Amino acid sequence: MTWTMGFVLILGILIKMITSPPSAAVAWVLKKFAIHQEINEKEITLVYDSQLIEGQVKEKVVTMYNEASFLKRIHIYPGNEDLFMPHNQKTVPYHICYSKGKKKIQLYLYIEKKYLTVVKQTKRKLIAYQMSAKEQYIECEENSIYSNSKIDNM
């Protein structure tokens, strides 16, 4: 009888955890599978037009990326992946490289007045999406290097 009660109690706790998990577990799952993950300024390398960027400009670009709001995902159909890569664009994007665990992630940022278009490349995937960055652009538009990084194929 005690084995049955113990089994029912453990089964009840397990069902409760599955149907309404704790908020820490939900936050971990959402963070793990998020398209737009925040980046840390100290863990990345930022390159613009084959020149390594450091200091205040790097901080502003990272802040702009982290504070931008996700708008929509741009669908990339099989066979069209190459159209989104920087060597097929007329403008030069910001190139961000960082590692997350064993994965090496590359981001190409195209900064426009209202939008921030991001092309995220991992070993096997290529994801493109747009974010709203109007407020951050207004704060940084006096900086001349933001003006030359627009994507043309969108």
N, C-alpha and C. Protein backbone atom coordinates (compact mmCIF):
# COMPACT_ATOMS: atom_id res chain seq x y z
N MET A 1 0.81 -1.18 0.00
CA MET A 1 0.00 0.00 0.00
C MET A 1 0.87 1.27 0.00
N THR A 2 1.96 1.27 0.76
CA THR A 2 2.83 2.45 0.78
C THR A 2 3.56 2.62 -0.54
N TRP A 3 3.88 1.51 -1.20
CA TRP A 3 4.53 1.61 -2.52
C TRP A 3 3.57 2.27 -3.52
N THR A 4 2.33 1.93 -3.44
CA THR A 4 1.33 2.50 -4.34
C THR A 4 1.18 3.99 -4.09
N MET A 5 1.09 4.38 -2.83
CA MET A 5 0.97 5.80 -2.49
C MET A 5 2.22 6.58 -2.92
N GLY A 6 3.38 6.01 -2.71
CA GLY A 6 4.63 6.65 -3.13
C GLY A 6 4.70 6.81 -4.64
N PHE A 7 4.27 5.76 -5.35
CA PHE A 7 4.27 5.81 -6.82
C PHE A 7 3.30 6.86 -7.33
N VAL A 8 2.11 6.92 -6.74
CA VAL A 8 1.10 7.91 -7.14
C VAL A 8 1.60 9.32 -6.83
N LEU A 9 2.24 9.51 -5.70
CA LEU A 9 2.78 10.83 -5.34
C LEU A 9 3.86 11.27 -6.32
N ILE A 10 4.79 10.38 -6.63
CA ILE A 10 5.86 10.72 -7.59
C ILE A 10 5.28 10.97 -8.97
N LEU A 11 4.31 10.17 -9.40
CA LEU A 11 3.67 10.36 -10.70
C LEU A 11 2.93 11.69 -10.73
N GLY A 12 2.26 12.06 -9.63
CA GLY A 12 1.57 13.35 -9.55
C GLY A 12 2.53 14.52 -9.65
N ILE A 13 3.66 14.43 -8.97
CA ILE A 13 4.67 15.50 -9.04
C ILE A 13 5.23 15.61 -10.45
N LEU A 14 5.48 14.47 -11.08
CA LEU A 14 6.01 14.46 -12.45
C LEU A 14 5.01 15.07 -13.42
N ILE A 15 3.74 14.72 -13.30
CA ILE A 15 2.72 15.30 -14.18
C ILE A 15 2.59 16.80 -13.95
N LYS A 16 2.65 17.23 -12.71
CA LYS A 16 2.59 18.66 -12.39
C LYS A 16 3.76 19.42 -13.01
N MET A 17 4.97 18.84 -12.96
CA MET A 17 6.16 19.49 -13.54
C MET A 17 6.07 19.57 -15.07
N ILE A 18 5.47 18.55 -15.68
CA ILE A 18 5.36 18.55 -17.15
C ILE A 18 4.29 19.53 -17.62
N THR A 19 3.15 19.58 -16.94
CA THR A 19 2.06 20.43 -17.39
C THR A 19 2.28 21.91 -17.07
N SER A 20 2.96 22.21 -15.99
CA SER A 20 3.26 23.61 -15.66
C SER A 20 4.68 23.69 -15.10
N PRO A 21 5.67 23.73 -15.99
CA PRO A 21 7.06 23.75 -15.52
C PRO A 21 7.40 25.06 -14.82
N PRO A 22 8.43 25.05 -13.99
CA PRO A 22 8.85 26.29 -13.33
C PRO A 22 9.34 27.31 -14.35
N SER A 23 9.22 28.57 -14.00
CA SER A 23 9.56 29.64 -14.93
C SER A 23 11.05 29.61 -15.31
N ALA A 24 11.91 29.13 -14.45
CA ALA A 24 13.33 29.04 -14.79
C ALA A 24 13.56 28.03 -15.92
N ALA A 25 12.83 26.93 -15.90
CA ALA A 25 12.96 25.94 -16.96
C ALA A 25 12.41 26.47 -18.28
N VAL A 26 11.30 27.20 -18.21
CA VAL A 26 10.72 27.79 -19.41
C VAL A 26 11.67 28.84 -20.00
N ALA A 27 12.24 29.67 -19.15
CA ALA A 27 13.18 30.69 -19.62
C ALA A 27 14.41 30.05 -20.27
N TRP A 28 14.91 28.97 -19.70
CA TRP A 28 16.07 28.28 -20.26
C TRP A 28 15.75 27.73 -21.65
N VAL A 29 14.58 27.10 -21.81
CA VAL A 29 14.20 26.52 -23.11
C VAL A 29 14.02 27.63 -24.14
N LEU A 30 13.35 28.71 -23.77
CA LEU A 30 13.15 29.81 -24.71
C LEU A 30 14.47 30.46 -25.11
N LYS A 31 15.38 30.61 -24.16
CA LYS A 31 16.68 31.20 -24.45
C LYS A 31 17.52 30.30 -25.34
N LYS A 32 17.40 29.00 -25.15
CA LYS A 32 18.19 28.05 -25.93
C LYS A 32 17.78 28.04 -27.40
N PHE A 33 16.48 28.19 -27.68
CA PHE A 33 15.99 28.10 -29.05
C PHE A 33 15.62 29.45 -29.66
N ALA A 34 16.00 30.54 -29.05
CA ALA A 34 15.68 31.87 -29.58
C ALA A 34 16.50 32.16 -30.84
N ILE A 35 15.87 32.83 -31.79
CA ILE A 35 16.57 33.21 -33.01
C ILE A 35 17.52 34.37 -32.71
N HIS A 36 17.00 35.37 -32.01
CA HIS A 36 17.78 36.57 -31.69
C HIS A 36 18.29 36.47 -30.26
N GLN A 37 19.55 36.06 -30.12
CA GLN A 37 20.15 35.94 -28.80
C GLN A 37 21.05 37.14 -28.55
N GLU A 38 21.06 37.60 -27.32
CA GLU A 38 21.92 38.74 -26.99
C GLU A 38 23.38 38.33 -27.04
N ILE A 39 24.22 39.28 -27.41
CA ILE A 39 25.65 39.01 -27.49
C ILE A 39 26.38 39.89 -26.49
N ASN A 40 27.55 39.42 -26.06
CA ASN A 40 28.37 40.15 -25.11
C ASN A 40 29.51 40.80 -25.88
N GLU A 41 29.75 42.04 -25.61
CA GLU A 41 30.77 42.81 -26.33
C GLU A 41 32.17 42.22 -26.20
N LYS A 42 32.46 41.62 -25.06
CA LYS A 42 33.81 41.12 -24.81
C LYS A 42 34.08 39.79 -25.49
N GLU A 43 33.04 39.06 -25.88
CA GLU A 43 33.20 37.73 -26.45
C GLU A 43 33.15 37.71 -27.98
N ILE A 44 33.01 38.85 -28.62
CA ILE A 44 32.85 38.88 -30.07
C ILE A 44 34.00 39.61 -30.73
N THR A 45 34.12 39.38 -32.03
CA THR A 45 35.00 40.21 -32.87
C THR A 45 34.10 40.89 -33.88
N LEU A 46 34.28 42.18 -34.05
CA LEU A 46 33.47 42.98 -34.96
C LEU A 46 34.37 43.50 -36.06
N VAL A 47 33.99 43.20 -37.30
CA VAL A 47 34.79 43.61 -38.46
C VAL A 47 33.89 44.38 -39.41
N TYR A 48 34.40 45.49 -39.93
CA TYR A 48 33.69 46.26 -40.95
C TYR A 48 34.69 46.60 -42.05
N ASP A 49 34.40 46.13 -43.23
CA ASP A 49 35.24 46.39 -44.40
C ASP A 49 36.69 45.95 -44.15
N SER A 50 36.84 44.74 -43.65
CA SER A 50 38.13 44.09 -43.36
C SER A 50 38.96 44.79 -42.29
N GLN A 51 38.34 45.64 -41.49
CA GLN A 51 39.04 46.32 -40.41
C GLN A 51 38.38 45.95 -39.08
N LEU A 52 39.18 45.57 -38.12
CA LEU A 52 38.70 45.22 -36.80
C LEU A 52 38.25 46.48 -36.08
N ILE A 53 37.05 46.45 -35.52
CA ILE A 53 36.50 47.62 -34.83
C ILE A 53 36.51 47.36 -33.34
N GLU A 54 37.00 48.32 -32.59
CA GLU A 54 37.07 48.23 -31.13
C GLU A 54 36.51 49.51 -30.53
N GLY A 55 36.35 49.50 -29.24
CA GLY A 55 36.02 50.71 -28.48
C GLY A 55 34.56 51.09 -28.52
N GLN A 56 34.32 52.40 -28.61
CA GLN A 56 32.99 52.96 -28.48
C GLN A 56 32.09 52.55 -29.64
N VAL A 57 32.62 52.46 -30.84
CA VAL A 57 31.82 52.07 -31.99
C VAL A 57 31.34 50.63 -31.84
N LYS A 58 32.21 49.75 -31.38
CA LYS A 58 31.84 48.36 -31.14
C LYS A 58 30.73 48.28 -30.09
N GLU A 59 30.87 49.06 -29.05
CA GLU A 59 29.87 49.09 -27.98
C GLU A 59 28.52 49.55 -28.51
N LYS A 60 28.51 50.57 -29.37
CA LYS A 60 27.26 51.08 -29.93
C LYS A 60 26.58 50.06 -30.85
N VAL A 61 27.36 49.37 -31.66
CA VAL A 61 26.79 48.36 -32.56
C VAL A 61 26.20 47.21 -31.76
N VAL A 62 26.90 46.75 -30.73
CA VAL A 62 26.41 45.66 -29.89
C VAL A 62 25.15 46.09 -29.13
N THR A 63 25.13 47.30 -28.62
CA THR A 63 23.95 47.81 -27.92
C THR A 63 22.77 47.92 -28.87
N MET A 64 23.02 48.38 -30.08
CA MET A 64 21.97 48.49 -31.08
C MET A 64 21.39 47.11 -31.41
N TYR A 65 22.25 46.12 -31.54
CA TYR A 65 21.81 44.76 -31.84
C TYR A 65 21.03 44.17 -30.67
N ASN A 66 21.52 44.34 -29.45
CA ASN A 66 20.86 43.74 -28.29
C ASN A 66 19.52 44.38 -27.97
N GLU A 67 19.38 45.68 -28.22
CA GLU A 67 18.14 46.38 -27.86
C GLU A 67 17.11 46.38 -28.97
N ALA A 68 17.44 45.89 -30.15
CA ALA A 68 16.49 45.87 -31.26
C ALA A 68 15.41 44.83 -31.00
N SER A 69 14.22 45.11 -31.52
CA SER A 69 13.08 44.22 -31.34
C SER A 69 12.91 43.36 -32.59
N PHE A 70 12.68 42.07 -32.39
CA PHE A 70 12.49 41.13 -33.49
C PHE A 70 11.19 41.47 -34.22
N LEU A 71 11.26 41.62 -35.56
CA LEU A 71 10.07 41.90 -36.34
C LEU A 71 9.58 40.68 -37.11
N LYS A 72 10.41 40.20 -38.02
CA LYS A 72 9.97 39.07 -38.83
C LYS A 72 11.18 38.30 -39.34
N ARG A 73 10.91 37.04 -39.64
CA ARG A 73 11.93 36.18 -40.22
C ARG A 73 11.82 36.26 -41.73
N ILE A 74 12.94 36.33 -42.40
CA ILE A 74 12.97 36.35 -43.85
C ILE A 74 13.23 34.93 -44.31
N HIS A 75 12.31 34.38 -45.06
CA HIS A 75 12.45 32.98 -45.48
C HIS A 75 13.48 32.85 -46.59
N ILE A 76 14.38 31.93 -46.40
CA ILE A 76 15.41 31.63 -47.38
C ILE A 76 15.10 30.25 -47.94
N TYR A 77 14.81 30.20 -49.21
CA TYR A 77 14.45 28.94 -49.84
C TYR A 77 15.70 28.19 -50.25
N PRO A 78 15.64 26.86 -50.25
CA PRO A 78 16.81 26.07 -50.64
C PRO A 78 17.32 26.45 -52.03
N GLY A 79 18.59 26.68 -52.11
CA GLY A 79 19.21 27.10 -53.36
C GLY A 79 19.45 28.60 -53.42
N ASN A 80 18.77 29.38 -52.58
CA ASN A 80 18.93 30.84 -52.58
C ASN A 80 19.80 31.34 -51.44
N GLU A 81 20.44 30.44 -50.71
CA GLU A 81 21.23 30.85 -49.56
C GLU A 81 22.35 31.80 -49.95
N ASP A 82 22.92 31.58 -51.10
CA ASP A 82 24.08 32.37 -51.54
C ASP A 82 23.72 33.83 -51.80
N LEU A 83 22.45 34.12 -52.10
CA LEU A 83 22.03 35.50 -52.37
C LEU A 83 22.12 36.39 -51.13
N PHE A 84 22.09 35.79 -49.96
CA PHE A 84 22.08 36.56 -48.72
C PHE A 84 23.48 36.77 -48.15
N MET A 85 24.47 36.16 -48.74
CA MET A 85 25.83 36.28 -48.22
C MET A 85 26.45 37.60 -48.69
N PRO A 86 27.38 38.14 -47.91
CA PRO A 86 27.92 39.47 -48.18
C PRO A 86 28.63 39.63 -49.51
N HIS A 87 29.21 38.56 -50.05
CA HIS A 87 29.95 38.72 -51.31
C HIS A 87 29.01 38.97 -52.48
N ASN A 88 27.70 38.78 -52.31
CA ASN A 88 26.72 39.08 -53.35
C ASN A 88 26.01 40.41 -53.13
N GLN A 89 26.42 41.17 -52.17
CA GLN A 89 25.80 42.44 -51.85
C GLN A 89 26.68 43.59 -52.35
N LYS A 90 26.05 44.71 -52.63
CA LYS A 90 26.79 45.90 -53.07
C LYS A 90 27.36 46.68 -51.88
N THR A 91 26.81 46.45 -50.72
CA THR A 91 27.27 47.18 -49.53
C THR A 91 28.01 46.23 -48.59
N VAL A 92 28.71 46.84 -47.67
CA VAL A 92 29.52 46.07 -46.72
C VAL A 92 28.78 45.96 -45.39
N PRO A 93 28.55 44.74 -44.89
CA PRO A 93 27.87 44.60 -43.60
C PRO A 93 28.88 44.58 -42.45
N TYR A 94 28.35 44.72 -41.26
CA TYR A 94 29.16 44.46 -40.07
C TYR A 94 29.23 42.95 -39.91
N HIS A 95 30.38 42.43 -39.65
CA HIS A 95 30.57 40.99 -39.51
C HIS A 95 30.95 40.71 -38.06
N ILE A 96 30.10 39.95 -37.37
CA ILE A 96 30.32 39.60 -35.97
C ILE A 96 30.57 38.11 -35.89
N CYS A 97 31.67 37.72 -35.25
CA CYS A 97 31.98 36.30 -35.02
C CYS A 97 32.04 36.05 -33.53
N TYR A 98 31.42 34.94 -33.10
CA TYR A 98 31.54 34.51 -31.71
C TYR A 98 31.24 33.03 -31.63
N SER A 99 31.59 32.44 -30.50
CA SER A 99 31.35 31.03 -30.28
C SER A 99 30.39 30.86 -29.11
N LYS A 100 29.48 29.93 -29.27
CA LYS A 100 28.54 29.60 -28.20
C LYS A 100 28.64 28.09 -28.01
N GLY A 101 29.37 27.69 -26.97
CA GLY A 101 29.66 26.27 -26.78
C GLY A 101 30.64 25.82 -27.85
N LYS A 102 30.26 24.80 -28.59
CA LYS A 102 31.11 24.32 -29.69
C LYS A 102 30.75 24.95 -31.02
N LYS A 103 29.64 25.71 -31.07
CA LYS A 103 29.19 26.31 -32.31
C LYS A 103 29.91 27.62 -32.58
N LYS A 104 30.31 27.80 -33.82
CA LYS A 104 30.84 29.08 -34.27
C LYS A 104 29.73 29.79 -35.02
N ILE A 105 29.38 30.98 -34.57
CA ILE A 105 28.27 31.73 -35.16
C ILE A 105 28.80 33.00 -35.79
N GLN A 106 28.31 33.29 -37.00
CA GLN A 106 28.67 34.51 -37.71
C GLN A 106 27.40 35.29 -37.98
N LEU A 107 27.43 36.57 -37.67
CA LEU A 107 26.31 37.46 -37.94
C LEU A 107 26.75 38.53 -38.93
N TYR A 108 25.91 38.81 -39.90
CA TYR A 108 26.13 39.90 -40.84
C TYR A 108 25.02 40.91 -40.60
N LEU A 109 25.37 42.12 -40.16
CA LEU A 109 24.39 43.15 -39.83
C LEU A 109 24.35 44.20 -40.92
N TYR A 110 23.14 44.43 -41.46
CA TYR A 110 22.90 45.49 -42.42
C TYR A 110 22.04 46.53 -41.72
N ILE A 111 22.57 47.70 -41.49
CA ILE A 111 21.88 48.72 -40.71
C ILE A 111 21.23 49.73 -41.64
N GLU A 112 19.93 49.88 -41.49
CA GLU A 112 19.16 50.86 -42.25
C GLU A 112 18.51 51.82 -41.27
N LYS A 113 17.76 52.81 -41.77
CA LYS A 113 17.18 53.80 -40.87
C LYS A 113 16.14 53.21 -39.93
N LYS A 114 15.28 52.33 -40.43
CA LYS A 114 14.22 51.78 -39.59
C LYS A 114 14.49 50.35 -39.16
N TYR A 115 15.27 49.63 -39.94
CA TYR A 115 15.45 48.21 -39.70
C TYR A 115 16.91 47.83 -39.53
N LEU A 116 17.08 46.73 -38.87
CA LEU A 116 18.38 46.09 -38.76
C LEU A 116 18.17 44.69 -39.33
N THR A 117 18.77 44.41 -40.48
CA THR A 117 18.63 43.11 -41.10
C THR A 117 19.83 42.27 -40.71
N VAL A 118 19.55 41.06 -40.22
CA VAL A 118 20.59 40.18 -39.70
C VAL A 118 20.58 38.88 -40.50
N VAL A 119 21.75 38.47 -40.95
CA VAL A 119 21.93 37.16 -41.56
C VAL A 119 22.82 36.38 -40.61
N LYS A 120 22.26 35.32 -40.04
CA LYS A 120 22.95 34.51 -39.03
C LYS A 120 23.37 33.20 -39.67
N GLN A 121 24.67 32.91 -39.62
CA GLN A 121 25.19 31.70 -40.24
C GLN A 121 25.89 30.84 -39.20
N THR A 122 25.47 29.58 -39.14
CA THR A 122 26.18 28.58 -38.36
C THR A 122 26.74 27.57 -39.36
N LYS A 123 27.24 26.47 -38.88
CA LYS A 123 27.86 25.50 -39.78
C LYS A 123 26.88 24.96 -40.81
N ARG A 124 25.64 24.70 -40.38
CA ARG A 124 24.67 24.07 -41.28
C ARG A 124 23.48 24.94 -41.63
N LYS A 125 23.27 26.04 -40.95
CA LYS A 125 22.07 26.84 -41.14
C LYS A 125 22.41 28.25 -41.57
N LEU A 126 21.45 28.84 -42.27
CA LEU A 126 21.51 30.25 -42.62
C LEU A 126 20.13 30.83 -42.34
N ILE A 127 20.05 31.79 -41.42
CA ILE A 127 18.78 32.38 -41.02
C ILE A 127 18.89 33.88 -41.23
N ALA A 128 17.84 34.47 -41.81
CA ALA A 128 17.80 35.91 -41.99
C ALA A 128 16.54 36.44 -41.31
N TYR A 129 16.67 37.60 -40.66
CA TYR A 129 15.53 38.21 -40.01
C TYR A 129 15.74 39.70 -39.89
N GLN A 130 14.62 40.42 -39.71
CA GLN A 130 14.66 41.87 -39.55
C GLN A 130 14.25 42.24 -38.14
N MET A 131 14.87 43.31 -37.67
CA MET A 131 14.55 43.83 -36.35
C MET A 131 14.32 45.33 -36.45
N SER A 132 13.52 45.84 -35.55
CA SER A 132 13.25 47.26 -35.48
C SER A 132 14.35 47.93 -34.68
N ALA A 133 15.04 48.88 -35.30
CA ALA A 133 16.15 49.54 -34.62
C ALA A 133 16.08 51.05 -34.80
N LYS A 134 14.87 51.57 -34.95
CA LYS A 134 14.70 52.99 -35.23
C LYS A 134 15.23 53.88 -34.11
N GLU A 135 14.88 53.54 -32.86
CA GLU A 135 15.31 54.38 -31.74
C GLU A 135 16.83 54.39 -31.60
N GLN A 136 17.44 53.23 -31.76
CA GLN A 136 18.88 53.14 -31.62
C GLN A 136 19.59 53.83 -32.78
N TYR A 137 19.00 53.78 -33.98
CA TYR A 137 19.62 54.43 -35.13
C TYR A 137 19.62 55.94 -34.97
N ILE A 138 18.53 56.48 -34.46
CA ILE A 138 18.43 57.92 -34.26
C ILE A 138 19.52 58.40 -33.31
N GLU A 139 19.80 57.61 -32.27
CA GLU A 139 20.84 57.99 -31.32
C GLU A 139 22.23 57.94 -31.96
N CYS A 140 22.43 57.05 -32.93
CA CYS A 140 23.76 56.82 -33.48
C CYS A 140 23.95 57.34 -34.90
N GLU A 141 22.98 58.05 -35.48
CA GLU A 141 23.11 58.40 -36.88
C GLU A 141 24.19 59.44 -37.16
N GLU A 142 24.62 60.15 -36.14
CA GLU A 142 25.72 61.10 -36.36
C GLU A 142 27.04 60.37 -36.63
N ASN A 143 27.08 59.10 -36.31
CA ASN A 143 28.29 58.30 -36.55
C ASN A 143 28.29 57.86 -38.01
N SER A 144 29.27 58.23 -38.78
CA SER A 144 29.25 58.06 -40.23
C SER A 144 29.36 56.62 -40.69
N ILE A 145 29.89 55.71 -39.88
CA ILE A 145 30.07 54.35 -40.39
C ILE A 145 28.77 53.56 -40.41
N TYR A 146 27.70 54.08 -39.82
CA TYR A 146 26.42 53.37 -39.86
C TYR A 146 25.74 53.51 -41.21
N SER A 147 26.06 54.52 -41.96
CA SER A 147 25.30 54.83 -43.16
C SER A 147 25.59 53.94 -44.35
N ASN A 148 26.65 53.18 -44.37
CA ASN A 148 27.04 52.43 -45.55
C ASN A 148 26.72 50.95 -45.48
N SER A 149 25.89 50.51 -44.60
CA SER A 149 25.70 49.08 -44.38
C SER A 149 24.27 48.65 -44.66
N LYS A 150 23.78 48.88 -45.88
CA LYS A 150 22.40 48.53 -46.23
C LYS A 150 22.38 47.32 -47.14
N ILE A 151 21.37 46.49 -46.96
CA ILE A 151 21.23 45.29 -47.80
C ILE A 151 20.38 45.67 -49.02
N ASP A 152 20.73 45.10 -50.18
CA ASP A 152 20.06 45.48 -51.42
C ASP A 152 19.03 44.48 -51.90
N ASN A 153 19.17 43.22 -51.59
CA ASN A 153 18.29 42.19 -52.15
C ASN A 153 16.95 42.08 -51.46
N MET A 154 16.70 42.76 -50.39
CA MET A 154 15.46 42.56 -49.63
C MET A 154 14.34 43.29 -50.29
